N, C-alpha and C. Protein backbone atom coordinates (compact mmCIF):
# COMPACT_ATOMS: atom_id res chain seq x y z
N MET A 1 56.48 251.57 108.57
CA MET A 1 57.89 251.96 108.51
C MET A 1 58.22 253.07 107.44
N ASN A 2 56.95 253.42 107.00
CA ASN A 2 57.42 254.41 105.93
C ASN A 2 57.64 255.87 106.85
N LEU A 3 57.43 255.88 108.15
CA LEU A 3 58.10 257.07 108.70
C LEU A 3 59.73 257.06 108.52
N VAL A 4 60.39 255.91 108.97
CA VAL A 4 61.81 255.65 108.58
C VAL A 4 62.19 256.26 107.40
N ALA A 5 61.39 255.78 106.62
CA ALA A 5 61.93 256.21 104.86
C ALA A 5 61.85 257.81 104.89
N ILE A 6 60.71 258.80 105.32
CA ILE A 6 60.26 259.90 105.23
C ILE A 6 61.65 260.51 106.15
N ALA A 7 61.88 260.18 107.31
CA ALA A 7 62.76 260.73 108.05
C ALA A 7 64.23 260.67 107.41
N CYS A 8 64.70 259.44 106.89
CA CYS A 8 65.91 259.35 105.88
C CYS A 8 65.74 260.62 104.77
N LEU A 9 65.01 260.89 103.77
CA LEU A 9 64.62 261.57 102.85
C LEU A 9 64.72 263.11 103.52
N VAL A 10 64.25 263.43 104.49
CA VAL A 10 64.32 264.78 105.16
C VAL A 10 65.65 264.96 105.54
N VAL A 11 66.37 263.96 106.13
CA VAL A 11 67.83 264.04 106.10
C VAL A 11 68.92 264.25 105.19
N ILE A 12 68.59 263.36 104.29
CA ILE A 12 69.31 263.65 102.88
C ILE A 12 69.25 264.96 102.50
N LEU A 13 67.44 265.35 102.03
CA LEU A 13 67.57 266.64 101.56
C LEU A 13 67.91 267.81 102.32
N ALA A 14 67.98 267.69 103.65
CA ALA A 14 68.38 268.87 104.43
C ALA A 14 69.99 269.15 104.47
N SER A 15 70.61 267.91 104.38
CA SER A 15 72.02 268.06 104.19
C SER A 15 72.57 268.71 102.91
N SER A 16 71.58 268.46 101.80
CA SER A 16 71.96 268.80 100.45
C SER A 16 71.86 270.09 100.10
N GLY A 17 71.52 270.92 101.25
CA GLY A 17 71.42 272.57 101.06
C GLY A 17 72.38 273.57 101.34
N HIS A 18 73.61 272.96 101.56
CA HIS A 18 74.73 273.79 101.93
C HIS A 18 75.70 273.25 101.13
N GLY A 19 76.99 273.70 101.03
CA GLY A 19 78.28 273.22 100.63
C GLY A 19 78.72 272.22 101.38
N ILE A 20 79.82 271.07 100.80
CA ILE A 20 80.40 269.83 101.54
C ILE A 20 81.12 270.57 102.90
N ARG A 21 81.20 269.84 104.01
CA ARG A 21 81.91 270.12 105.11
C ARG A 21 82.76 269.11 105.24
N CYS A 22 84.03 269.97 105.37
CA CYS A 22 85.46 269.25 105.21
C CYS A 22 86.00 269.87 106.67
N TYR A 23 86.96 269.25 107.12
CA TYR A 23 87.94 269.67 108.48
C TYR A 23 88.98 270.58 107.80
N VAL A 24 89.20 271.42 107.97
CA VAL A 24 90.25 272.44 107.74
C VAL A 24 91.17 272.37 108.67
N CYS A 25 92.30 271.96 108.96
CA CYS A 25 93.62 272.06 109.60
C CYS A 25 94.75 271.77 109.20
N THR A 26 96.01 271.95 109.80
CA THR A 26 97.38 271.65 109.60
C THR A 26 98.00 271.04 110.64
N ASN A 27 98.67 269.93 110.27
CA ASN A 27 99.59 268.96 111.94
C ASN A 27 98.35 268.61 112.66
N CYS A 28 97.29 268.15 112.19
CA CYS A 28 96.18 267.40 112.62
C CYS A 28 96.53 266.01 112.76
N ASN A 29 97.12 265.41 113.37
CA ASN A 29 97.73 264.10 112.56
C ASN A 29 96.35 263.03 113.57
N GLU A 30 96.29 263.36 114.74
CA GLU A 30 95.63 262.29 115.50
C GLU A 30 93.93 262.77 115.58
N ALA A 31 93.09 261.56 115.63
CA ALA A 31 91.63 262.25 116.09
C ALA A 31 91.20 262.90 117.36
N LYS A 32 92.27 262.73 118.29
CA LYS A 32 91.44 263.48 119.10
C LYS A 32 91.99 264.86 119.01
N GLN A 33 92.72 265.24 117.95
CA GLN A 33 93.22 266.68 117.44
C GLN A 33 92.08 267.19 116.57
N LEU A 34 91.00 266.49 116.32
CA LEU A 34 90.13 266.91 115.12
C LEU A 34 88.91 267.01 116.02
N ASN A 35 88.04 268.36 115.89
CA ASN A 35 87.06 268.78 116.69
C ASN A 35 85.89 269.57 115.68
N GLY A 36 85.03 269.98 116.21
CA GLY A 36 83.82 270.67 115.50
C GLY A 36 84.37 272.08 115.49
N THR A 37 85.55 272.57 115.75
CA THR A 37 85.40 273.99 115.38
C THR A 37 86.23 274.01 114.15
N GLN A 38 87.04 272.57 113.68
CA GLN A 38 87.87 272.82 112.36
C GLN A 38 86.65 272.35 111.41
N LEU A 39 85.69 271.95 111.49
CA LEU A 39 84.63 271.62 110.51
C LEU A 39 84.18 273.19 109.80
N GLN A 40 84.15 273.21 108.49
CA GLN A 40 83.90 274.17 107.80
C GLN A 40 83.19 274.21 106.68
N ASN A 41 82.27 274.71 106.42
CA ASN A 41 81.53 274.80 105.05
C ASN A 41 82.14 275.12 104.09
N CYS A 42 82.59 274.27 103.09
CA CYS A 42 83.46 275.01 101.83
C CYS A 42 82.59 275.95 100.54
N PRO A 43 83.15 276.51 100.19
CA PRO A 43 82.51 277.31 99.19
C PRO A 43 82.18 276.53 97.81
N ASP A 44 81.24 276.84 97.20
CA ASP A 44 80.54 275.76 96.10
C ASP A 44 81.73 275.68 95.13
N SER A 45 82.80 276.52 95.00
CA SER A 45 83.92 276.62 94.02
C SER A 45 84.76 275.51 94.65
N LEU A 46 84.81 274.78 95.93
CA LEU A 46 85.92 273.98 96.31
C LEU A 46 84.57 272.60 97.07
N PRO A 47 84.31 271.91 95.87
CA PRO A 47 83.24 270.89 96.51
C PRO A 47 83.75 269.81 96.96
N ALA A 48 85.19 269.63 97.53
CA ALA A 48 85.66 268.50 98.01
C ALA A 48 86.41 268.88 99.07
N CYS A 49 86.77 267.47 99.80
CA CYS A 49 87.76 267.59 100.85
C CYS A 49 88.90 266.92 100.29
N TYR A 50 89.86 267.57 101.25
CA TYR A 50 91.35 266.45 101.13
C TYR A 50 92.19 266.17 102.06
N LYS A 51 92.86 265.29 102.14
CA LYS A 51 93.72 264.90 103.30
C LYS A 51 95.16 264.63 102.87
N VAL A 52 96.38 265.38 103.17
CA VAL A 52 97.73 265.06 102.66
C VAL A 52 98.36 264.59 103.86
N PHE A 53 98.93 263.56 103.57
CA PHE A 53 99.90 262.98 104.66
C PHE A 53 101.50 263.16 104.19
N ALA A 54 102.24 263.82 104.75
CA ALA A 54 103.72 264.26 104.13
C ALA A 54 104.58 264.34 105.54
N ASN A 55 105.87 263.69 105.51
CA ASN A 55 106.65 263.72 106.46
C ASN A 55 105.94 263.54 107.87
N GLY A 56 105.13 262.94 108.29
CA GLY A 56 104.31 262.66 109.53
C GLY A 56 103.32 263.69 109.91
N ASP A 57 103.04 264.57 108.84
CA ASP A 57 102.15 265.60 108.94
C ASP A 57 100.90 265.38 108.46
N VAL A 58 99.91 265.75 108.88
CA VAL A 58 98.33 265.82 107.93
C VAL A 58 97.98 267.00 107.63
N THR A 59 97.45 267.47 106.64
CA THR A 59 96.80 268.62 106.52
C THR A 59 95.55 268.32 105.66
N ARG A 60 94.52 269.10 106.34
CA ARG A 60 93.10 268.72 106.03
C ARG A 60 92.44 270.08 105.27
N SER A 61 91.76 270.13 104.47
CA SER A 61 91.00 271.21 103.77
C SER A 61 90.20 271.41 102.77
N CYS A 62 89.33 272.38 102.16
CA CYS A 62 88.27 272.00 101.01
C CYS A 62 89.40 272.30 99.62
N ILE A 63 88.94 271.51 98.54
CA ILE A 63 89.63 271.89 97.34
C ILE A 63 88.62 271.70 96.01
N SER A 64 89.24 271.94 95.00
CA SER A 64 88.50 271.84 93.72
C SER A 64 87.61 270.37 93.56
N GLY A 65 86.56 270.27 92.76
CA GLY A 65 85.95 269.07 92.53
C GLY A 65 86.31 268.38 91.35
N ASN A 66 87.47 269.28 90.75
CA ASN A 66 87.86 268.31 89.26
C ASN A 66 88.81 267.29 89.71
N LEU A 67 89.20 266.81 90.75
CA LEU A 67 89.97 265.61 90.85
C LEU A 67 89.40 264.69 91.16
N ASP A 68 89.71 263.41 91.00
CA ASP A 68 89.26 261.99 91.43
C ASP A 68 89.37 261.47 92.84
N VAL A 69 87.92 261.22 93.19
CA VAL A 69 87.82 260.50 94.54
C VAL A 69 88.77 259.53 94.58
N GLY A 70 89.55 259.54 95.86
CA GLY A 70 90.45 258.18 96.25
C GLY A 70 91.78 258.74 96.61
N CYS A 71 92.75 257.89 96.97
CA CYS A 71 93.98 258.48 97.42
C CYS A 71 95.13 257.95 96.17
N LYS A 72 96.15 258.94 96.30
CA LYS A 72 97.32 258.66 95.53
C LYS A 72 98.28 258.83 96.13
N THR A 73 99.48 257.92 96.06
CA THR A 73 100.95 258.51 96.64
C THR A 73 102.16 258.48 95.72
N GLU A 74 102.64 259.47 96.36
CA GLU A 74 104.05 260.00 95.14
C GLU A 74 104.78 260.60 96.14
N ASN A 75 106.19 259.85 95.80
CA ASN A 75 107.32 260.48 96.78
C ASN A 75 107.21 260.61 98.12
N GLN A 76 106.50 259.46 98.76
CA GLN A 76 106.24 259.57 99.91
C GLN A 76 105.22 260.41 100.55
N ILE A 77 104.25 261.17 99.66
CA ILE A 77 103.29 261.87 100.17
C ILE A 77 102.22 261.42 99.70
N GLU A 78 101.09 261.12 100.36
CA GLU A 78 99.93 260.25 100.30
C GLU A 78 98.73 261.71 100.21
N ALA A 79 97.87 261.88 99.05
CA ALA A 79 97.07 262.66 99.03
C ALA A 79 95.56 261.94 98.96
N CYS A 80 94.29 262.11 99.50
CA CYS A 80 93.10 261.74 99.62
C CYS A 80 92.18 262.79 99.23
N VAL A 81 91.57 262.45 98.34
CA VAL A 81 90.30 263.47 97.93
C VAL A 81 88.91 262.63 98.26
N CYS A 82 87.74 263.35 98.49
CA CYS A 82 86.60 262.86 98.98
C CYS A 82 85.62 264.11 98.94
N LYS A 83 84.38 263.21 98.50
CA LYS A 83 83.27 264.46 98.57
C LYS A 83 82.02 264.03 98.92
N LYS A 84 82.04 263.91 100.31
CA LYS A 84 81.06 263.65 101.59
C LYS A 84 81.34 264.69 102.64
N ASP A 85 80.39 264.87 103.48
CA ASP A 85 80.58 266.00 104.62
C ASP A 85 81.56 265.16 105.57
N GLU A 86 82.59 265.93 105.88
CA GLU A 86 83.70 265.30 107.36
C GLU A 86 84.26 263.99 106.64
N CYS A 87 84.43 263.67 105.36
CA CYS A 87 85.00 262.56 104.86
C CYS A 87 86.53 262.56 105.08
N ASN A 88 87.19 264.02 105.38
CA ASN A 88 88.62 263.98 105.50
C ASN A 88 88.89 263.88 107.00
N GLY A 89 88.09 263.15 107.85
CA GLY A 89 88.61 263.04 108.86
C GLY A 89 89.40 261.61 109.22
N THR A 90 89.33 261.01 110.60
CA THR A 90 90.04 259.84 110.77
C THR A 90 88.91 258.52 110.60
N GLY A 91 89.19 257.87 110.29
CA GLY A 91 88.27 256.62 110.42
C GLY A 91 86.95 256.81 109.55
N THR A 92 86.98 257.84 108.43
CA THR A 92 85.61 258.23 107.98
C THR A 92 85.26 257.29 106.71
N VAL A 93 86.21 256.45 105.99
CA VAL A 93 86.03 255.47 105.03
C VAL A 93 85.37 254.35 106.05
N LYS A 94 85.54 253.91 106.88
CA LYS A 94 85.20 252.50 107.63
C LYS A 94 83.41 253.11 107.84
N SER A 95 83.56 254.28 108.44
CA SER A 95 82.23 254.77 108.80
C SER A 95 81.15 254.73 107.65
N THR A 96 81.65 255.43 106.82
CA THR A 96 80.99 255.49 105.61
C THR A 96 80.00 254.04 105.18
N ALA A 97 81.44 253.16 105.00
CA ALA A 97 80.90 251.59 104.46
C ALA A 97 79.95 251.03 105.66
N ILE A 98 80.07 251.32 106.98
CA ILE A 98 79.04 250.98 107.77
C ILE A 98 77.88 251.38 107.86
N PHE A 99 77.57 252.95 107.76
CA PHE A 99 76.45 253.48 107.37
C PHE A 99 75.69 252.93 106.23
N GLY A 100 76.58 252.74 104.88
CA GLY A 100 75.91 252.07 103.88
C GLY A 100 75.17 250.74 104.04
N PHE A 101 75.95 249.94 104.91
CA PHE A 101 75.25 248.63 104.90
C PHE A 101 74.06 248.66 105.90
N VAL A 102 74.20 249.61 107.07
CA VAL A 102 72.93 249.76 107.96
C VAL A 102 71.80 250.09 107.05
N ILE A 103 72.04 251.14 106.23
CA ILE A 103 70.76 251.63 105.47
C ILE A 103 70.51 250.44 104.51
N SER A 104 71.29 249.85 103.83
CA SER A 104 71.13 248.76 102.86
C SER A 104 70.00 247.67 103.64
N PHE A 105 70.54 247.27 104.79
CA PHE A 105 69.92 246.32 105.56
C PHE A 105 68.62 246.77 106.02
N LEU A 106 68.52 248.18 106.65
CA LEU A 106 67.14 248.39 106.95
C LEU A 106 65.99 248.74 105.70
N VAL A 107 66.47 248.39 104.69
CA VAL A 107 65.73 248.60 103.35
C VAL A 107 65.36 247.37 102.74
N ALA A 108 66.42 246.51 102.95
CA ALA A 108 65.96 245.13 102.79
C ALA A 108 65.16 244.85 103.15
N LYS A 109 65.45 244.92 104.99
CA LYS A 109 64.53 244.33 106.24
C LYS A 109 62.83 244.58 106.20
N PHE A 110 62.95 245.87 105.92
CA PHE A 110 61.64 246.41 106.25
C PHE A 110 60.80 246.90 104.87
N ASN A 111 61.49 246.74 103.75
CA ASN A 111 61.19 247.11 102.62
C ASN A 111 60.75 248.08 102.51
N ILE A 112 61.39 249.31 102.95
CA ILE A 112 61.07 250.63 103.12
C ILE A 112 60.85 251.18 101.71
N ILE A 113 61.82 251.13 100.96
CA ILE A 113 61.93 251.69 99.87
C ILE A 113 61.08 250.97 98.60
């Protein structure tokens, strides 16, 4: 079971060597419109991703890390900021929660760490 723990550490360390990866697109409302060509490595000066919903359109990109993580709505515009790879896609909050649960379960079940 230590092999699983080592594999997890390698993945975590390998992914931390580059800037955050965000979807960068305008008018990309649906999941089918998102693809790997829209994923970009953000520069170190923009260490967060954002997603803005306004007038039925969605814009995604990199943004300064000075903002709080989460979503805020004002004047019928919702803006969300996150700080994990690909977090400004669709359904990513649910995916992240499921991933966290699976890792927690494996750690508890097999006493990995």
